[in-house]
């Protein structure tokens, strides 16, 4: 069993886009990656734990961008 995977491998395994995963990491809604030299990796155990937690505690969608003016 692999201990770590790239963001691309995680996106394939989770059926999420790479950009979505990167945004979720930035928002603190996804396990933080670590670096080995220039390589960015995610721990498989962290992703599996995140999957279990997401089933019981779904992520609330946050509105992105600037608020619209009410007219």
C-alpha atoms as a PDB file:
ATOM      1  CA  UNK A   1       0.000   0.000   0.000  1.00  0.00           C
ATOM      2  CA  UNK A   2       1.231   3.477  -0.845  1.00  0.00           C
ATOM      3  CA  UNK A   3       1.913   5.876   2.004  1.00  0.00           C
ATOM      4  CA  UNK A   4       1.712   9.060  -0.049  1.00  0.00           C
ATOM      5  CA  UNK A   5       0.225  10.248  -3.330  1.00  0.00           C
ATOM      6  CA  UNK A   6       0.355  13.275  -5.571  1.00  0.00           C
ATOM      7  CA  UNK A   7      -2.525  15.705  -5.908  1.00  0.00           C
ATOM      8  CA  UNK A   8      -3.225  14.239  -9.360  1.00  0.00           C
ATOM      9  CA  UNK A   9      -3.439  10.713  -7.926  1.00  0.00           C
ATOM     10  CA  UNK A  10      -5.705  11.963  -5.144  1.00  0.00           C
ATOM     11  CA  UNK A  11      -7.963  13.714  -7.661  1.00  0.00           C
ATOM     12  CA  UNK A  12      -8.293  10.494  -9.669  1.00  0.00           C
ATOM     13  CA  UNK A  13      -8.987   8.426  -6.546  1.00  0.00           C
ATOM     14  CA  UNK A  14     -11.577  10.869  -5.165  1.00  0.00           C
ATOM     15  CA  UNK A  15     -13.162  11.945  -8.472  1.00  0.00           C
ATOM     16  CA  UNK A  16     -12.374  15.574  -7.666  1.00  0.00           C
ATOM     17  CA  UNK A  17     -10.521  18.030  -9.851  1.00  0.00           C
ATOM     18  CA  UNK A  18      -6.957  18.987  -9.018  1.00  0.00           C
ATOM     19  CA  UNK A  19      -7.996  22.640  -8.796  1.00  0.00           C
ATOM     20  CA  UNK A  20     -10.811  21.734  -6.401  1.00  0.00           C
ATOM     21  CA  UNK A  21      -8.394  19.878  -4.141  1.00  0.00           C
ATOM     22  CA  UNK A  22      -5.942  22.799  -4.210  1.00  0.00           C
ATOM     23  CA  UNK A  23      -8.747  25.243  -3.310  1.00  0.00           C
ATOM     24  CA  UNK A  24      -9.920  22.989  -0.486  1.00  0.00           C
ATOM     25  CA  UNK A  25      -6.351  22.773   0.848  1.00  0.00           C
ATOM     26  CA  UNK A  26      -6.151  26.572   0.800  1.00  0.00           C
ATOM     27  CA  UNK A  27      -9.450  26.841   2.682  1.00  0.00           C
ATOM     28  CA  UNK A  28      -8.368  24.246   5.253  1.00  0.00           C
ATOM     29  CA  UNK A  29     -11.063  21.782   4.150  1.00  0.00           C
ATOM     30  CA  UNK A  30      -8.628  19.080   2.980  1.00  0.00           C
ATOM     31  CA  UNK A  31      -5.566  17.475   4.604  1.00  0.00           C
ATOM     32  CA  UNK A  32      -2.422  19.590   4.287  1.00  0.00           C
ATOM     33  CA  UNK A  33       0.237  18.272   1.904  1.00  0.00           C
ATOM     34  CA  UNK A  34       3.928  18.030   2.690  1.00  0.00           C
ATOM     35  CA  UNK A  35       7.000  18.514   0.543  1.00  0.00           C
ATOM     36  CA  UNK A  36       9.852  16.175  -0.251  1.00  0.00           C
ATOM     37  CA  UNK A  37      12.268  18.424  -2.127  1.00  0.00           C
ATOM     38  CA  UNK A  38      10.138  19.966  -4.876  1.00  0.00           C
ATOM     39  CA  UNK A  39       7.535  17.184  -4.775  1.00  0.00           C
ATOM     40  CA  UNK A  40       4.188  17.795  -3.044  1.00  0.00           C
ATOM     41  CA  UNK A  41       2.581  14.719  -1.487  1.00  0.00           C
ATOM     42  CA  UNK A  42      -0.554  13.878   0.497  1.00  0.00           C
ATOM     43  CA  UNK A  43      -0.604  11.141   3.119  1.00  0.00           C
ATOM     44  CA  UNK A  44      -2.976   8.333   2.150  1.00  0.00           C
ATOM     45  CA  UNK A  45      -3.959   7.850   5.806  1.00  0.00           C
ATOM     46  CA  UNK A  46      -4.931  11.545   6.067  1.00  0.00           C
ATOM     47  CA  UNK A  47      -7.076  11.275   2.930  1.00  0.00           C
ATOM     48  CA  UNK A  48      -8.808   8.119   4.170  1.00  0.00           C
ATOM     49  CA  UNK A  49      -9.522   9.807   7.520  1.00  0.00           C
ATOM     50  CA  UNK A  50     -10.845  12.892   5.675  1.00  0.00           C
ATOM     51  CA  UNK A  51     -13.172  10.646   3.617  1.00  0.00           C
ATOM     52  CA  UNK A  52     -14.625   9.111   6.768  1.00  0.00           C
ATOM     53  CA  UNK A  53     -15.123  12.519   8.389  1.00  0.00           C
ATOM     54  CA  UNK A  54     -16.745  14.009   5.286  1.00  0.00           C
ATOM     55  CA  UNK A  55     -19.455  11.343   5.402  1.00  0.00           C
ATOM     56  CA  UNK A  56     -20.583  12.474   8.855  1.00  0.00           C
ATOM     57  CA  UNK A  57     -19.710  16.190   8.592  1.00  0.00           C
ATOM     58  CA  UNK A  58     -20.271  17.497   5.036  1.00  0.00           C
ATOM     59  CA  UNK A  59     -18.421  20.622   3.941  1.00  0.00           C
ATOM     60  CA  UNK A  60     -20.487  23.786   3.814  1.00  0.00           C
ATOM     61  CA  UNK A  61     -20.052  25.652   0.566  1.00  0.00           C
ATOM     62  CA  UNK A  62     -18.693  29.143   1.019  1.00  0.00           C
ATOM     63  CA  UNK A  63     -19.608  31.834  -1.439  1.00  0.00           C
ATOM     64  CA  UNK A  64     -16.517  33.024  -3.235  1.00  0.00           C
ATOM     65  CA  UNK A  65     -15.889  36.444  -4.677  1.00  0.00           C
ATOM     66  CA  UNK A  66     -17.124  39.829  -3.682  1.00  0.00           C
ATOM     67  CA  UNK A  67     -20.653  40.366  -2.380  1.00  0.00           C
ATOM     68  CA  UNK A  68     -23.190  41.743  -4.845  1.00  0.00           C
ATOM     69  CA  UNK A  69     -24.921  45.046  -4.241  1.00  0.00           C
ATOM     70  CA  UNK A  70     -28.592  44.848  -3.456  1.00  0.00           C
ATOM     71  CA  UNK A  71     -30.618  47.249  -5.597  1.00  0.00           C
END
